[in-house]
């Protein structure tokens, strides 16, 4: 039985978060709206507003809650973290205010799990304190997110690793204090054992940011791109810069993805909830054809479809989060959550697109302007369908899992073929059917 119930004390924390995010984090969204603003630690104005908010979060015991107790966190589990991220999704700045902004969360987990004491002191502590930000440099221009096609390599030269190659879409590299780079170190190994993870300080000689790529929603006239195209030109780092062992990069990467995908999904629930709230407000305010637009059946259909799809998606994500907790508690096998996480990833972008699109439509011409957040939300759909692996990859994974457990049917017809089943049922109950004269009329 699935159990999503919460202790009253934790519900109080969620209630506090909701009020705090809507009242305080929303100000940062308006004042500093560029995509890179939450990660720009050198912007003194935004940090002067941010730091007191972060301190209040810390006083409430809600700072950086994504880490488990073994890594210095509160150990809330994925269900509670999912519900927290649902609230954080209502504000672009909220994850930074609460110390849970990606990719820093995943990078912190990697450092906590695989970092040396020195690495934790140099990188993890300031990262957890919110004093610096980081970058996960994995994707490559010729390979996308498929690690089996990666070409950026690292080879050993004496007591150093030398990194040579290109990386694409390395988010927040322009603001980052360090990068975690996935490079091929063992080309002779099987595909998933060829890569390793290396910590590279951003100011290391040879780290060349060719350009910061802009995406939909960035301003054309300003240098606002945050996804770096990087050339690692024979970059040298010490041997102890490696996280995990040689060839364990894929294993290290997987340690950061499962929970992160659930957090993305629940933040999407929060964004969709905000779009639905806007739709409802508009529906009972704006008038057309002599009545509020909410009295028109087409608008009612948009609202109903959005509410139903959002509730379905929310329950899928909560089930996935609950299952991860069950796996970690040893009550379900390790593979139990994998398919559910894939389903969340597939459904996420579609639900977000459809609800945001309807909200824009209900707001009419105002909906397509930059005077509301809806267009920027809609633009985020395009990236969301690619982040953490393209949607299509997860569809294939879900389908393969289902097909692997499917049983082929012997014979000419499917197992639900009615004439075949009818013959079997007649043979099984022939005596009773004959007694009541039901066999004589059978075709």
Protein backbone atom coordinates (compact mmCIF):
# COMPACT_ATOMS: atom_id res chain seq x y z
CA UNK A 1 0.00 0.00 0.00
CA UNK A 2 1.29 3.41 -0.92
CA UNK A 3 1.46 5.86 1.96
CA UNK A 4 1.91 9.59 1.31
CA UNK A 5 0.86 10.69 4.79
CA UNK A 6 2.95 13.24 6.69
CA UNK A 7 3.56 14.10 10.31
CA UNK A 8 1.83 17.34 11.39
CA UNK A 9 5.23 18.83 12.21
CA UNK A 10 6.48 18.34 8.67
CA UNK A 11 3.25 19.69 7.20
CA UNK A 12 3.89 22.84 9.24
CA UNK A 13 7.30 23.13 7.57
CA UNK A 14 5.68 22.82 4.13
CA UNK A 15 3.13 25.48 5.04
CA UNK A 16 5.92 27.80 6.16
CA UNK A 17 7.83 27.13 2.94
CA UNK A 18 4.81 27.94 0.77
CA UNK A 19 4.26 31.31 2.45
CA UNK A 20 7.98 32.13 2.43
CA UNK A 21 8.51 31.23 -1.23
CA UNK A 22 5.49 33.22 -2.41
CA UNK A 23 6.27 36.24 -0.24
CA UNK A 24 10.08 36.43 -0.32
CA UNK A 25 11.62 34.39 -3.12
CA UNK A 26 9.22 35.92 -5.63
CA UNK A 27 10.90 39.32 -5.12
CA UNK A 28 14.19 37.94 -6.41
CA UNK A 29 12.39 36.48 -9.44
CA UNK A 30 11.20 39.97 -10.37
CA UNK A 31 14.34 41.93 -9.48
CA UNK A 32 16.88 39.52 -10.98
CA UNK A 33 15.09 37.58 -13.74
CA UNK A 34 17.98 36.50 -16.00
CA UNK A 35 18.60 32.76 -16.14
CA UNK A 36 22.10 33.09 -14.71
CA UNK A 37 21.26 35.49 -11.88
CA UNK A 38 20.80 32.88 -9.12
CA UNK A 39 24.28 31.51 -9.87
CA UNK A 40 26.15 34.83 -10.09
CA UNK A 41 27.82 34.98 -6.69
CA UNK A 42 29.59 38.18 -7.71
CA UNK A 43 26.36 40.18 -8.00
CA UNK A 44 26.49 42.08 -4.70
CA UNK A 45 22.95 43.46 -4.90
CA UNK A 46 21.28 40.09 -5.35
CA UNK A 47 23.47 38.51 -2.66
CA UNK A 48 22.60 41.26 -0.18
CA UNK A 49 18.93 40.30 -0.53
CA UNK A 50 19.65 36.58 -0.77
CA UNK A 51 21.83 36.00 2.28
CA UNK A 52 19.26 37.03 4.94
CA UNK A 53 16.70 34.79 3.24
CA UNK A 54 19.14 31.88 3.27
CA UNK A 55 19.80 32.51 6.95
CA UNK A 56 16.08 32.32 7.73
CA UNK A 57 15.90 29.01 5.85
CA UNK A 58 18.84 27.69 7.89
CA UNK A 59 17.16 28.77 11.13
CA UNK A 60 14.09 26.75 10.10
CA UNK A 61 16.29 23.69 9.54
CA UNK A 62 15.41 23.58 5.84
CA UNK A 63 18.79 24.32 4.27
CA UNK A 64 20.26 21.84 1.75
CA UNK A 65 17.84 19.09 2.71
CA UNK A 66 18.70 16.92 -0.30
CA UNK A 67 21.57 15.20 1.53
CA UNK A 68 20.88 12.14 3.66
CA UNK A 69 22.00 11.80 7.30
CA UNK A 70 25.10 9.87 6.25
CA UNK A 71 26.16 12.94 4.26
CA UNK A 72 25.30 15.54 6.88
CA UNK A 73 21.68 16.22 5.86
CA UNK A 74 18.37 15.68 7.70
CA UNK A 75 17.46 12.46 5.87
CA UNK A 76 13.95 13.41 4.88
CA UNK A 77 13.72 10.84 2.07
CA UNK A 78 12.52 11.40 -1.48
CA UNK A 79 8.80 11.68 -0.68
CA UNK A 80 9.30 14.62 1.65
CA UNK A 81 11.93 16.14 -0.62
CA UNK A 82 9.49 15.83 -3.50
CA UNK A 83 6.82 17.75 -1.59
CA UNK A 84 9.37 20.41 -0.68
CA UNK A 85 10.46 20.73 -4.30
CA UNK A 86 6.85 21.12 -5.38
CA UNK A 87 6.86 24.38 -3.43
CA UNK A 88 10.33 25.41 -4.60
CA UNK A 89 9.15 25.04 -8.20
CA UNK A 90 6.94 28.09 -7.77
CA UNK A 91 10.02 30.37 -7.85
CA UNK A 92 13.11 30.34 -10.08
CA UNK A 93 15.22 31.64 -7.19
CA UNK A 94 13.77 29.41 -4.47
CA UNK A 95 16.21 26.47 -4.95
CA UNK A 96 19.12 28.89 -4.45
CA UNK A 97 17.47 30.37 -1.38
CA UNK A 98 17.07 26.87 0.08
CA UNK A 99 20.50 25.55 -0.98
CA UNK A 100 19.11 23.00 -3.44
CA UNK A 101 19.92 24.51 -6.85
CA UNK A 102 21.00 22.16 -9.62
CA UNK A 103 23.62 21.16 -10.61
CA UNK A 104 25.11 22.01 -7.23
CA UNK A 105 22.89 19.45 -5.47
CA UNK A 106 24.11 16.56 -7.60
CA UNK A 107 27.70 17.75 -7.48
CA UNK A 108 27.49 18.00 -3.69
CA UNK A 109 26.26 14.40 -3.53
CA UNK A 110 29.17 13.24 -5.70
CA UNK A 111 31.68 15.09 -3.54
CA UNK A 112 30.11 13.78 -0.35
CA UNK A 113 30.14 10.20 -1.62
CA UNK A 114 33.43 10.07 -3.51
CA UNK A 115 35.48 13.11 -2.48
CA UNK A 116 38.56 13.05 -0.28
CA UNK A 117 38.65 15.02 2.97
CA UNK A 118 40.70 17.70 1.23
CA UNK A 119 38.23 17.92 -1.69
CA UNK A 120 35.31 18.20 0.71
CA UNK A 121 36.99 21.00 2.60
CA UNK A 122 37.97 22.90 -0.54
CA UNK A 123 34.81 22.40 -2.61
CA UNK A 124 31.94 20.77 -0.73
CA UNK A 125 31.86 23.02 2.33
CA UNK A 126 31.71 26.35 0.45
CA UNK A 127 29.28 24.77 -2.02
CA UNK A 128 26.99 23.70 0.81
CA UNK A 129 27.30 27.14 2.41
CA UNK A 130 26.15 28.76 -0.83
CA UNK A 131 29.38 30.74 -1.21
CA UNK A 132 30.27 29.21 -4.59
CA UNK A 133 28.54 27.41 -7.45
CA UNK A 134 29.71 24.49 -9.59
CA UNK A 135 29.33 22.99 -13.05
CA UNK A 136 28.78 19.44 -14.29
CA UNK A 137 30.64 19.21 -17.61
CA UNK A 138 29.48 16.04 -19.35
CA UNK A 139 27.64 16.64 -22.66
CA UNK A 140 29.70 16.80 -25.88
CA UNK A 141 28.84 18.51 -29.18
CA UNK A 142 29.12 15.37 -31.33
CA UNK A 143 27.57 12.99 -28.79
CA UNK A 144 24.97 14.88 -26.80
CA UNK A 145 24.41 13.06 -23.53
CA UNK A 146 25.39 9.59 -24.79
CA UNK A 147 28.54 8.69 -22.81
CA UNK A 148 29.29 5.80 -25.16
CA UNK A 149 30.15 8.35 -27.86
CA UNK A 150 32.32 10.69 -25.76
CA UNK A 151 35.69 11.75 -27.18
CA UNK A 152 37.00 14.18 -24.54
CA UNK A 153 39.81 12.21 -22.97
CA UNK A 154 42.10 12.34 -19.98
CA UNK A 155 45.42 10.56 -20.00
CA UNK A 156 48.03 10.19 -17.31
CA UNK A 157 51.30 12.06 -17.58
CA UNK A 158 53.50 11.48 -14.54
CA UNK A 159 51.59 12.60 -11.45
CA UNK A 160 48.90 14.46 -13.42
CA UNK A 161 45.84 13.86 -15.56
CA UNK A 162 45.80 15.76 -18.85
CA UNK A 163 42.30 16.56 -20.19
CA UNK A 164 41.92 17.22 -23.89
CA UNK A 165 38.66 17.73 -25.80
CA UNK A 166 35.41 19.66 -26.04
CA UNK A 167 32.33 19.84 -23.84
CA UNK A 168 28.98 21.36 -24.73
CA UNK A 169 26.16 22.88 -22.66
CA UNK A 170 28.16 22.94 -19.42
CA UNK A 171 25.61 24.92 -17.43
CA UNK A 172 26.81 27.76 -15.17
CA UNK A 173 30.49 27.29 -16.04
CA UNK A 174 30.86 31.07 -16.34
CA UNK A 175 29.94 31.43 -12.66
CA UNK A 176 31.46 28.20 -11.33
CA UNK A 177 34.40 27.88 -8.99
CA UNK A 178 35.05 24.35 -10.26
CA UNK A 179 33.87 21.89 -12.90
CA UNK A 180 33.30 18.16 -12.59
CA UNK A 181 34.39 16.80 -15.96
CA UNK A 182 33.56 13.38 -17.39
CA UNK A 183 36.39 12.23 -19.64
CA UNK A 184 37.48 8.98 -21.29
CA UNK A 185 40.41 7.53 -19.32
CA UNK A 186 40.10 3.83 -20.18
CA UNK A 187 39.22 3.58 -23.90
CA UNK A 188 39.91 -0.17 -23.96
CA UNK A 189 37.18 -0.93 -21.41
CA UNK A 190 33.51 -1.71 -22.14
CA UNK A 191 31.50 1.46 -22.99
CA UNK A 192 30.19 2.14 -19.49
CA UNK A 193 33.61 1.61 -17.90
CA UNK A 194 35.65 3.96 -20.10
CA UNK A 195 35.04 7.28 -18.34
CA UNK A 196 36.16 8.93 -15.13
CA UNK A 197 35.15 12.05 -13.18
CA UNK A 198 37.72 14.77 -12.53
CA UNK A 199 37.51 17.97 -10.50
CA UNK A 200 38.86 20.94 -12.44
CA UNK A 201 39.09 24.43 -10.92
CA UNK A 202 37.65 26.84 -13.48
CA UNK A 203 40.76 29.01 -13.53
CA UNK A 204 43.03 26.09 -14.46
CA UNK A 205 45.21 26.92 -17.50
CA UNK A 206 43.73 25.44 -20.66
CA UNK A 207 40.06 25.76 -19.64
CA UNK A 208 38.76 27.81 -22.54
CA UNK A 209 35.11 28.86 -22.63
CA UNK A 210 34.60 29.28 -26.36
CA UNK A 211 31.21 30.91 -25.80
CA UNK A 212 28.28 30.96 -23.39
CA UNK A 213 25.41 29.66 -25.47
CA UNK A 214 22.07 31.45 -25.24
CA UNK A 215 18.75 29.66 -25.17
CA UNK A 216 15.16 30.75 -25.66
CA UNK A 217 14.39 33.30 -22.96
CA UNK A 218 17.88 34.86 -22.83
CA UNK A 219 18.27 38.46 -23.97
CA UNK A 220 19.89 38.84 -27.40
CA UNK A 221 21.54 42.17 -26.59
CA UNK A 222 23.25 41.02 -23.40
CA UNK A 223 25.85 38.40 -22.53
CA UNK A 224 23.30 36.30 -20.68
CA UNK A 225 24.04 32.79 -21.96
CA UNK A 226 24.84 30.31 -19.19
CA UNK A 227 25.49 27.05 -21.09
CA UNK A 228 29.18 26.97 -21.90
CA UNK A 229 30.88 25.47 -24.91
CA UNK A 230 34.28 24.55 -23.45
CA UNK A 231 37.58 23.47 -24.95
CA UNK A 232 39.80 21.63 -22.50
CA UNK A 233 43.17 22.32 -24.09
CA UNK A 234 45.56 19.89 -22.38
CA UNK A 235 44.29 20.89 -18.95
CA UNK A 236 46.44 19.45 -16.16
CA UNK A 237 45.08 18.38 -12.78
CA UNK A 238 46.69 16.20 -10.08
CA UNK A 239 45.97 12.49 -9.86
CA UNK A 240 43.88 12.97 -6.72
CA UNK A 241 41.45 15.18 -8.68
CA UNK A 242 39.58 12.02 -9.69
CA UNK A 243 36.25 11.20 -8.03
CA UNK A 244 35.92 7.46 -7.69
CA UNK A 245 38.32 5.18 -9.53
CA UNK A 246 39.46 5.10 -13.16
CA UNK A 247 36.60 3.98 -15.38
CA UNK A 248 33.95 4.58 -12.71
CA UNK A 249 32.61 7.85 -14.13
CA UNK A 250 29.31 6.35 -15.28
CA UNK A 251 28.76 4.78 -11.87
CA UNK A 252 29.54 8.09 -10.16
CA UNK A 253 27.16 9.95 -12.49
CA UNK A 254 24.30 7.55 -11.78
CA UNK A 255 24.64 8.29 -8.07
CA UNK A 256 23.40 11.84 -8.68
CA UNK A 257 20.58 11.35 -11.19
CA UNK A 258 17.65 9.38 -9.72
CA UNK A 259 16.65 11.70 -6.90
CA UNK A 260 17.49 14.73 -9.03
CA UNK A 261 14.96 13.68 -11.67
CA UNK A 262 12.26 13.38 -9.02
CA UNK A 263 13.13 16.85 -7.73
CA UNK A 264 12.90 18.24 -11.28
CA UNK A 265 9.53 16.57 -11.69
CA UNK A 266 8.09 17.94 -8.45
CA UNK A 267 9.37 21.43 -9.23
CA UNK A 268 7.53 21.05 -12.50
CA UNK A 269 4.41 20.20 -10.51
CA UNK A 270 4.92 23.47 -8.65
CA UNK A 271 5.30 25.44 -11.88
CA UNK A 272 2.19 23.81 -13.36
CA UNK A 273 0.27 24.54 -10.17
CA UNK A 274 1.26 28.19 -10.47
CA UNK A 275 0.14 28.28 -14.11
CA UNK A 276 -3.20 26.72 -13.12
CA UNK A 277 -3.64 29.29 -10.35
CA UNK A 278 -3.05 32.05 -12.90
CA UNK A 279 -5.55 30.44 -15.25
CA UNK A 280 -8.21 30.32 -12.54
CA UNK A 281 -7.64 33.92 -11.50
CA UNK A 282 -7.92 35.06 -15.10
CA UNK A 283 -11.03 32.97 -15.70
CA UNK A 284 -13.01 34.64 -12.93
CA UNK A 285 -11.69 38.14 -13.69
CA UNK A 286 -11.74 38.67 -17.45
CA UNK A 287 -15.06 39.00 -19.27
CA UNK A 288 -16.03 38.18 -22.85
CA UNK A 289 -19.39 37.95 -24.57
CA UNK A 290 -21.20 39.32 -21.54
CA UNK A 291 -19.83 36.90 -18.92
CA UNK A 292 -16.58 35.88 -17.29
CA UNK A 293 -14.44 33.71 -19.53
CA UNK A 294 -14.63 31.00 -16.87
CA UNK A 295 -18.30 30.60 -17.75
CA UNK A 296 -17.42 29.63 -21.32
CA UNK A 297 -17.19 25.88 -21.82
CA UNK A 298 -13.94 25.99 -23.81
CA UNK A 299 -12.16 27.69 -20.91
CA UNK A 300 -13.77 25.28 -18.46
CA UNK A 301 -12.42 22.39 -20.55
CA UNK A 302 -8.90 23.89 -20.43
CA UNK A 303 -9.11 24.23 -16.66
CA UNK A 304 -10.47 20.72 -16.17
CA UNK A 305 -7.90 19.10 -18.47
CA UNK A 306 -5.08 20.96 -16.71
CA UNK A 307 -6.24 20.03 -13.21
CA UNK A 308 -6.71 16.35 -14.13
CA UNK A 309 -3.35 16.04 -15.90
CA UNK A 310 -1.57 17.81 -13.06
CA UNK A 311 -3.12 15.54 -10.42
CA UNK A 312 -2.21 12.42 -12.42
CA UNK A 313 1.37 13.56 -12.87
CA UNK A 314 1.72 14.61 -9.25
CA UNK A 315 0.59 11.20 -8.04
CA UNK A 316 3.02 9.48 -10.42
CA UNK A 317 5.91 11.52 -9.03
CA UNK A 318 4.88 10.92 -5.43
CA UNK A 319 4.61 7.18 -6.10
CA UNK A 320 8.10 7.28 -7.63
CA UNK A 321 9.52 9.18 -4.65
CA UNK A 322 7.85 6.78 -2.19
CA UNK A 323 9.25 3.80 -4.11
CA UNK A 324 12.79 5.23 -3.98
CA UNK A 325 12.41 5.52 -0.20
CA UNK A 326 11.25 1.90 -0.07
CA UNK A 327 14.26 0.80 -2.13
CA UNK A 328 16.66 2.69 0.12
CA UNK A 329 15.01 1.14 3.17
CA UNK A 330 15.56 -2.32 1.67
CA UNK A 331 11.87 -3.13 1.35
CA UNK A 332 11.89 -3.21 -2.46
CA UNK A 333 14.52 -4.36 -4.98
CA UNK A 334 17.00 -1.86 -6.38
CA UNK A 335 15.33 -1.83 -9.79
CA UNK A 336 11.83 -1.04 -8.49
CA UNK A 337 12.04 2.72 -8.99
CA UNK A 338 13.87 2.85 -12.32
CA UNK A 339 10.86 2.54 -14.59
CA UNK A 340 8.81 4.99 -12.52
CA UNK A 341 11.59 7.59 -12.69
CA UNK A 342 11.68 7.15 -16.48
CA UNK A 343 7.91 7.61 -16.67
CA UNK A 344 8.19 10.85 -14.67
CA UNK A 345 10.85 12.14 -17.05
CA UNK A 346 8.71 11.34 -20.11
CA UNK A 347 5.51 12.84 -18.72
CA UNK A 348 7.15 15.93 -17.23
CA UNK A 349 7.74 18.03 -20.34
CA UNK A 350 4.38 17.18 -21.92
CA UNK A 351 2.34 18.07 -18.83
CA UNK A 352 4.32 21.29 -18.36
CA UNK A 353 3.86 22.23 -22.02
CA UNK A 354 0.14 21.53 -22.15
CA UNK A 355 -0.79 23.35 -18.95
CA UNK A 356 1.43 26.35 -19.68
CA UNK A 357 0.11 26.55 -23.23
CA UNK A 358 -3.48 26.63 -21.98
CA UNK A 359 -2.62 29.28 -19.39
CA UNK A 360 -1.13 31.45 -22.14
CA UNK A 361 -4.26 30.96 -24.25
CA UNK A 362 -6.58 31.94 -21.41
CA UNK A 363 -4.57 35.14 -20.87
CA UNK A 364 -4.84 36.07 -24.55
CA UNK A 365 -2.40 38.64 -25.91
CA UNK A 366 -1.12 39.38 -22.40
CA UNK A 367 -0.10 35.74 -22.09
CA UNK A 368 2.47 35.98 -24.89
CA UNK A 369 4.14 39.11 -23.49
CA UNK A 370 7.07 39.31 -21.09
CA UNK A 371 4.78 41.09 -18.62
CA UNK A 372 3.76 37.69 -17.28
CA UNK A 373 6.03 34.72 -16.47
CA UNK A 374 4.11 32.33 -18.72
CA UNK A 375 6.22 32.72 -21.87
CA UNK A 376 9.42 32.12 -19.94
CA UNK A 377 7.81 29.06 -18.35
CA UNK A 378 6.77 27.79 -21.77
CA UNK A 379 10.29 28.32 -23.10
CA UNK A 380 11.59 26.12 -20.30
CA UNK A 381 9.67 23.17 -21.74
CA UNK A 382 12.19 22.84 -24.57
CA UNK A 383 15.13 22.45 -22.19
CA UNK A 384 13.14 20.27 -19.80
CA UNK A 385 12.55 17.67 -22.50
CA UNK A 386 16.33 17.35 -22.94
CA UNK A 387 17.68 17.77 -19.40
CA UNK A 388 18.84 14.58 -17.63
CA UNK A 389 18.63 12.72 -20.94
CA UNK A 390 16.28 13.26 -23.88
CA UNK A 391 12.66 12.24 -23.37
CA UNK A 392 12.96 9.72 -26.19
CA UNK A 393 15.73 7.82 -24.38
CA UNK A 394 13.52 7.38 -21.34
CA UNK A 395 10.58 6.28 -23.49
CA UNK A 396 12.78 3.54 -24.94
CA UNK A 397 13.92 2.50 -21.47
CA UNK A 398 10.34 2.30 -20.18
CA UNK A 399 9.21 0.31 -23.21
CA UNK A 400 12.15 -2.12 -23.04
CA UNK A 401 11.44 -2.83 -19.38
CA UNK A 402 7.79 -3.58 -20.13
CA UNK A 403 8.64 -5.69 -23.17
CA UNK A 404 11.19 -7.72 -21.22
CA UNK A 405 8.45 -8.82 -18.83
CA UNK A 406 5.89 -9.54 -21.55
CA UNK A 407 5.07 -13.16 -22.42
CA UNK A 408 4.63 -14.18 -26.09
CA UNK A 409 1.44 -16.01 -27.02
CA UNK A 410 1.55 -19.44 -28.62
CA UNK A 411 -0.84 -20.12 -31.44
CA UNK A 412 -2.36 -18.06 -34.23
CA UNK A 413 -4.36 -15.57 -32.20
CA UNK A 414 -3.82 -13.26 -29.17
CA UNK A 415 -4.61 -14.55 -25.68
CA UNK A 416 -7.74 -12.38 -25.54
CA UNK A 417 -9.12 -13.74 -28.84
CA UNK A 418 -12.82 -14.22 -28.08
CA UNK A 419 -13.65 -17.26 -30.31
CA UNK A 420 -10.66 -19.16 -28.91
CA UNK A 421 -11.57 -18.28 -25.33
CA UNK A 422 -15.20 -19.22 -25.98
CA UNK A 423 -14.20 -22.71 -27.11
CA UNK A 424 -12.07 -23.16 -24.00
CA UNK A 425 -14.85 -21.92 -21.72
CA UNK A 426 -17.40 -24.25 -23.35
CA UNK A 427 -15.12 -27.25 -22.90
CA UNK A 428 -14.51 -26.32 -19.28
CA UNK A 429 -18.21 -26.01 -18.42
CA UNK A 430 -19.62 -28.45 -21.02
CA UNK A 431 -21.69 -30.48 -18.55
CA UNK A 432 -23.52 -27.45 -17.14
CA UNK A 433 -24.04 -25.86 -20.54
CA UNK A 434 -25.42 -29.13 -21.97
CA UNK A 435 -27.77 -29.52 -19.01
CA UNK A 436 -29.32 -26.15 -19.81
CA UNK A 437 -29.40 -26.72 -23.56
CA UNK A 438 -26.81 -24.05 -24.31
CA UNK A 439 -24.49 -26.19 -26.43
CA UNK A 440 -27.02 -27.09 -29.13
CA UNK A 441 -27.37 -23.45 -30.19
CA UNK A 442 -23.65 -22.75 -30.11
CA UNK A 443 -22.14 -21.87 -33.48
